[in-house]
Amino acid sequence: MSSYLLALIFGFGFGWALDKSGLGQYGKIANVFRFKDMTVIKFMMTALCVAMVGVYGLQSLGVMELTKVNETYIVGNILGGMVFGVGMALAGF
């Protein structure tokens, strides 16, 4: 239960940072696809790099153990992408 709460707190913090930096605005997202503004890409790449360093750092300290990743479940990926796309369209993005 505590791991779910921790994930919720970190997810809320990440979403708050996205919102405060204005990366949810239509213009920012649209300009990524127009190759005019790479701010969103830079933010996400920075988040991925920080997470990667954190995960491998925690593994080297013995706090966590990396396990084998299961094969991709293609139906779940397609359905998740469709739900995400419909949600973005309904939200006006």
Protein backbone atom coordinates (compact mmCIF):
# COMPACT_ATOMS: atom_id res chain seq x y z
CA MET A 1 0.00 0.00 0.00
CA SER A 2 2.81 2.41 0.82
CA SER A 3 4.38 1.91 -2.62
CA TYR A 4 1.12 2.99 -4.26
CA LEU A 5 0.96 6.07 -2.07
CA LEU A 6 4.56 6.92 -2.87
CA ALA A 7 3.91 6.50 -6.60
CA LEU A 8 0.84 8.73 -6.30
CA ILE A 9 2.85 11.43 -4.52
CA PHE A 10 5.65 11.36 -7.11
CA GLY A 11 3.12 11.32 -9.97
CA PHE A 12 1.31 14.30 -8.50
CA GLY A 13 4.62 16.14 -8.11
CA PHE A 14 5.62 15.43 -11.70
CA GLY A 15 2.22 16.57 -12.97
CA TRP A 16 2.47 19.72 -10.86
CA ALA A 17 5.91 20.46 -12.35
CA LEU A 18 4.52 19.96 -15.87
CA ASP A 19 1.63 22.30 -15.14
CA LYS A 20 3.77 24.99 -13.49
CA SER A 21 6.19 24.99 -16.40
CA GLY A 22 3.31 25.46 -18.85
CA LEU A 23 3.99 22.28 -20.78
CA GLY A 24 0.30 21.41 -20.96
CA GLN A 25 -0.54 24.46 -23.05
CA TYR A 26 -1.80 23.89 -26.56
CA GLY A 27 0.84 26.08 -28.17
CA LYS A 28 3.73 24.25 -26.53
CA ILE A 29 2.45 20.82 -27.55
CA ALA A 30 1.50 21.88 -31.08
CA ASN A 31 4.90 23.50 -31.63
CA VAL A 32 6.64 20.24 -30.76
CA PHE A 33 4.93 18.62 -33.73
CA ARG A 34 5.83 21.63 -35.89
CA PHE A 35 9.50 21.31 -34.78
CA LYS A 36 9.45 24.94 -33.54
CA ASP A 37 9.66 24.45 -29.76
CA MET A 38 11.47 21.51 -28.19
CA THR A 39 10.81 22.52 -24.56
CA VAL A 40 8.48 19.57 -23.92
CA ILE A 41 10.98 17.10 -25.41
CA LYS A 42 13.82 18.58 -23.33
CA PHE A 43 11.74 18.36 -20.15
CA MET A 44 10.77 14.74 -20.78
CA MET A 45 14.31 13.72 -21.70
CA THR A 46 15.61 15.37 -18.53
CA ALA A 47 13.00 13.48 -16.49
CA LEU A 48 14.00 10.18 -18.14
CA CYS A 49 17.71 10.78 -17.48
CA VAL A 50 17.11 11.71 -13.83
CA ALA A 51 14.92 8.62 -13.38
CA MET A 52 17.55 6.41 -15.03
CA VAL A 53 20.32 7.71 -12.76
CA GLY A 54 18.03 7.33 -9.75
CA VAL A 55 17.06 3.74 -10.55
CA TYR A 56 20.63 2.60 -11.17
CA GLY A 57 21.81 4.53 -8.12
CA LEU A 58 19.23 2.81 -5.92
CA GLN A 59 20.21 -0.54 -7.42
CA SER A 60 23.91 0.03 -6.68
CA LEU A 61 23.04 0.94 -3.06
CA GLY A 62 21.05 -2.27 -2.73
CA VAL A 63 17.76 -0.48 -2.08
CA MET A 64 16.03 -2.05 -5.08
CA GLU A 65 16.53 -4.94 -7.45
CA LEU A 66 16.02 -4.75 -11.19
CA THR A 67 14.03 -7.61 -12.62
CA LYS A 68 13.49 -8.86 -16.16
CA VAL A 69 10.88 -6.90 -18.10
CA ASN A 70 8.03 -8.97 -19.52
CA GLU A 71 7.27 -9.00 -23.23
CA THR A 72 5.11 -6.21 -24.61
CA TYR A 73 1.36 -6.81 -24.51
CA ILE A 74 0.40 -5.28 -27.84
CA VAL A 75 -3.38 -5.24 -27.28
CA GLY A 76 -2.94 -3.33 -24.02
CA ASN A 77 -0.62 -0.84 -25.70
CA ILE A 78 -3.06 -0.22 -28.53
CA LEU A 79 -6.04 0.17 -26.20
CA GLY A 80 -4.05 2.44 -23.87
CA GLY A 81 -2.95 4.60 -26.79
CA MET A 82 -6.51 4.88 -28.02
CA VAL A 83 -7.80 5.87 -24.58
CA PHE A 84 -5.00 8.43 -24.27
CA GLY A 85 -5.72 9.85 -27.73
CA VAL A 86 -9.46 10.11 -27.10
CA GLY A 87 -8.77 11.79 -23.76
CA MET A 88 -6.44 14.33 -25.37
CA ALA A 89 -8.99 15.01 -28.12
CA LEU A 90 -11.83 15.48 -25.61
CA ALA A 91 -9.64 17.79 -23.52
CA GLY A 92 -9.08 19.97 -26.57
CA PHE A 93 -5.42 19.24 -27.14
